[in-house]
Amino acid sequence: MTIEPKISEVKKEFLCSGYMGRITVKNVYREIPKLLERYRKLCGSNLNKNIKRPWQYISLSRNFEGNLSWDYHTGHVVTRYEGEPEGLVHFEIPKGDYAVFEVRRKRAMFFSFFMAKLKKEIYTKWLPSSGYVFSGFEFEYNDETMKKKNPYDVDLYVGIGKKQA
C-alpha cells in the first residue's frame, strides 16, 4: 500500500455535535458501529435543526492512551450549539495542519479493516519518515457532495506539526 497525503491547513475551527464513546482496541469493531447507529437514528428523526447545510460529517479520535484507547466523537458540523436535542456532545475540530489521506472504497465490505490497515501504515511508516509529528488527533470527514458520488468516500485528516531538529 503506497500512501501519499496532501498537506492541508484548516484555517478555522468548526463546531460539531453528536455522540462520544471511549473506544478500546478490544471493542473498536463492536462499539463504533453501535455509536454510529445510535447517532444515525437521531439524525433520521431530524431532531437537530443546527446541522450546517450542505451537511458535513465528522468522526474525531483524540485523547489517545498509547494504542489502547481513545475518545471517539461522531456527528455533524453545526452552526451553533443552542437549541439542540438533549444528549448530544459538543466537540470542535481544531485549526492547524493536517495530512489528508483520501479513502475511496467501492462498498462497505471490509471498510473498517481497510481503515485500520491505512492507519497502521500512516503511524508506523509514513509519519516516522515524513518530517512531521502527530499532534494528538485525527478525524474522518465526509460531506453531502462526497456521499452523492460514493457513500464510502472519506478523507482521513491526521493532525501534524513540524518535527523539531
Protein backbone atom coordinates (compact mmCIF):
# COMPACT_ATOMS: atom_id res chain seq x y z
CA MET A 1 0.00 0.00 0.00
CA THR A 2 1.53 3.31 -1.08
CA ILE A 3 0.19 6.32 0.76
CA GLU A 4 0.90 9.92 -0.07
CA PRO A 5 -1.18 12.58 1.65
CA LYS A 6 -1.97 16.11 0.71
CA ILE A 7 -0.80 18.57 3.41
CA SER A 8 -3.61 20.99 4.19
CA GLU A 9 -4.30 23.75 6.68
CA VAL A 10 -7.66 24.04 8.42
CA LYS A 11 -7.80 27.80 8.99
CA LYS A 12 -10.84 28.00 11.26
CA GLU A 13 -12.15 25.70 13.98
CA PHE A 14 -15.54 24.26 13.30
CA LEU A 15 -18.25 23.21 15.73
CA CYS A 16 -19.62 19.68 15.76
CA SER A 17 -22.37 17.94 17.65
CA GLY A 18 -23.02 14.23 18.05
CA TYR A 19 -22.16 11.31 20.32
CA MET A 20 -18.97 10.22 22.05
CA GLY A 21 -17.66 6.94 23.40
CA ARG A 22 -14.40 5.71 24.89
CA ILE A 23 -13.07 3.13 22.45
CA THR A 24 -10.51 0.41 23.13
CA VAL A 25 -8.57 -1.84 20.81
CA LYS A 26 -10.64 -4.75 22.14
CA ASN A 27 -14.06 -3.17 21.48
CA VAL A 28 -13.42 -0.96 18.42
CA TYR A 29 -15.25 -3.16 15.89
CA ARG A 30 -18.25 -3.57 18.20
CA GLU A 31 -18.59 -0.12 19.79
CA ILE A 32 -18.06 2.24 16.85
CA PRO A 33 -20.90 0.71 14.76
CA LYS A 34 -23.21 0.94 17.82
CA LEU A 35 -22.32 4.60 18.33
CA LEU A 36 -22.81 5.41 14.64
CA GLU A 37 -26.18 3.63 14.54
CA ARG A 38 -27.40 5.44 17.66
CA TYR A 39 -26.48 8.78 16.13
CA ARG A 40 -27.97 7.91 12.71
CA LYS A 41 -31.29 7.10 14.38
CA LEU A 42 -31.32 10.56 15.96
CA CYS A 43 -30.48 12.25 12.65
CA GLY A 44 -33.05 10.14 10.84
CA SER A 45 -35.72 11.71 13.01
CA ASN A 46 -34.29 15.13 12.00
CA LEU A 47 -34.10 16.43 15.56
CA ASN A 48 -31.03 18.62 15.20
CA LYS A 49 -32.00 21.76 13.29
CA ASN A 50 -28.49 23.24 13.74
CA ILE A 51 -26.79 20.93 11.23
CA LYS A 52 -24.95 23.09 8.71
CA ARG A 53 -26.23 22.74 5.12
CA PRO A 54 -24.92 21.21 2.95
CA TRP A 55 -24.04 18.75 5.69
CA GLN A 56 -20.54 17.71 6.74
CA TYR A 57 -19.98 14.59 8.86
CA ILE A 58 -17.03 14.14 11.23
CA SER A 59 -15.66 11.27 13.31
CA LEU A 60 -12.92 12.61 15.60
CA SER A 61 -10.43 10.47 17.56
CA ARG A 62 -8.39 12.07 20.36
CA ASN A 63 -7.14 11.64 23.93
CA PHE A 64 -5.16 8.56 23.00
CA GLU A 65 -3.72 6.37 25.76
CA GLY A 66 -0.99 4.67 23.79
CA ASN A 67 -2.57 2.49 21.14
CA LEU A 68 -5.03 1.02 23.63
CA SER A 69 -7.90 3.52 23.97
CA TRP A 70 -9.17 6.89 22.78
CA ASP A 71 -12.24 9.16 22.72
CA TYR A 72 -14.30 8.75 19.56
CA HIS A 73 -16.71 11.55 18.66
CA THR A 74 -19.09 11.25 15.72
CA GLY A 75 -21.54 13.83 14.42
CA HIS A 76 -22.25 16.72 12.10
CA VAL A 77 -20.80 20.18 11.73
CA VAL A 78 -23.32 22.58 13.26
CA THR A 79 -23.96 26.32 13.04
CA ARG A 80 -24.45 26.68 16.81
CA TYR A 81 -24.93 24.61 19.96
CA GLU A 82 -28.04 26.28 21.41
CA GLY A 83 -31.40 24.56 20.98
CA GLU A 84 -30.08 21.09 20.19
CA PRO A 85 -31.67 17.82 21.25
CA GLU A 86 -30.69 16.54 24.70
CA GLY A 87 -27.89 14.04 25.00
CA LEU A 88 -25.65 15.37 22.25
CA VAL A 89 -21.97 16.02 22.96
CA HIS A 90 -20.23 19.08 21.53
CA PHE A 91 -16.76 18.93 20.06
CA GLU A 92 -14.58 21.11 17.85
CA ILE A 93 -12.19 20.38 15.04
CA PRO A 94 -9.08 22.45 15.77
CA LYS A 95 -7.47 24.68 13.21
CA GLY A 96 -3.98 23.64 12.18
CA ASP A 97 -2.02 21.50 9.75
CA TYR A 98 -3.21 18.09 8.61
CA ALA A 99 -2.02 15.27 6.41
CA VAL A 100 -5.10 14.36 4.36
CA PHE A 101 -5.44 10.80 3.08
CA GLU A 102 -8.19 10.07 0.57
CA VAL A 103 -10.04 6.82 1.21
CA ARG A 104 -12.02 5.68 -1.81
CA ARG A 105 -13.83 2.37 -1.42
CA LYS A 106 -16.45 0.87 -3.71
CA ARG A 107 -18.51 -0.73 -0.92
CA ALA A 108 -18.76 -1.08 2.84
CA MET A 109 -17.38 -4.61 2.98
CA PHE A 110 -14.11 -4.58 4.94
CA PHE A 111 -14.12 -0.76 5.19
CA SER A 112 -13.14 -0.78 8.88
CA PHE A 113 -10.34 -3.30 8.25
CA PHE A 114 -9.02 -1.15 5.39
CA MET A 115 -9.05 1.95 7.65
CA ALA A 116 -7.19 0.05 10.38
CA LYS A 117 -4.55 -1.04 7.86
CA LEU A 118 -4.23 2.50 6.48
CA LYS A 119 -3.83 3.99 9.96
CA LYS A 120 -1.17 1.43 10.81
CA GLU A 121 0.73 2.41 7.64
CA ILE A 122 0.41 6.10 8.46
CA TYR A 123 1.67 5.83 12.04
CA THR A 124 4.35 3.17 11.56
CA LYS A 125 5.75 4.09 8.13
CA TRP A 126 4.62 7.43 6.69
CA LEU A 127 4.76 9.59 9.83
CA PRO A 128 8.22 8.50 11.09
CA SER A 129 9.79 9.29 7.70
CA SER A 130 7.73 12.40 6.91
CA GLY A 131 9.30 15.31 8.79
CA TYR A 132 6.10 15.67 10.85
CA VAL A 133 4.90 14.57 14.28
CA PHE A 134 1.38 13.56 15.28
CA SER A 135 -0.44 16.39 17.07
CA GLY A 136 -2.76 14.09 19.03
CA PHE A 137 -5.97 13.85 17.00
CA GLU A 138 -7.36 12.69 13.70
CA PHE A 139 -10.74 12.88 12.05
CA GLU A 140 -12.63 11.24 9.23
CA TYR A 141 -14.53 13.66 7.00
CA ASN A 142 -17.41 13.08 4.63
CA ASP A 143 -19.86 15.56 3.16
CA GLU A 144 -23.02 15.65 1.09
CA THR A 145 -21.16 16.02 -2.23
CA MET A 146 -18.81 13.11 -1.50
CA LYS A 147 -21.70 10.87 -0.41
CA LYS A 148 -23.59 11.53 -3.66
CA LYS A 149 -20.57 10.30 -5.65
CA ASN A 150 -19.90 7.29 -3.44
CA PRO A 151 -21.10 6.72 0.15
CA TYR A 152 -17.75 5.15 1.09
CA ASP A 153 -15.56 8.11 0.15
CA VAL A 154 -13.89 9.54 3.24
CA ASP A 155 -10.96 11.86 3.84
CA LEU A 156 -8.80 10.99 6.85
CA TYR A 157 -7.23 14.10 8.42
CA VAL A 158 -4.25 13.41 10.68
CA GLY A 159 -3.18 16.39 12.80
CA ILE A 160 0.51 17.14 12.30
CA GLY A 161 3.25 19.54 13.37
CA LYS A 162 6.79 20.02 12.11
CA LYS A 163 9.46 17.82 13.70
CA GLN A 164 11.85 19.76 15.88
CA ALA A 165 15.51 19.43 14.88
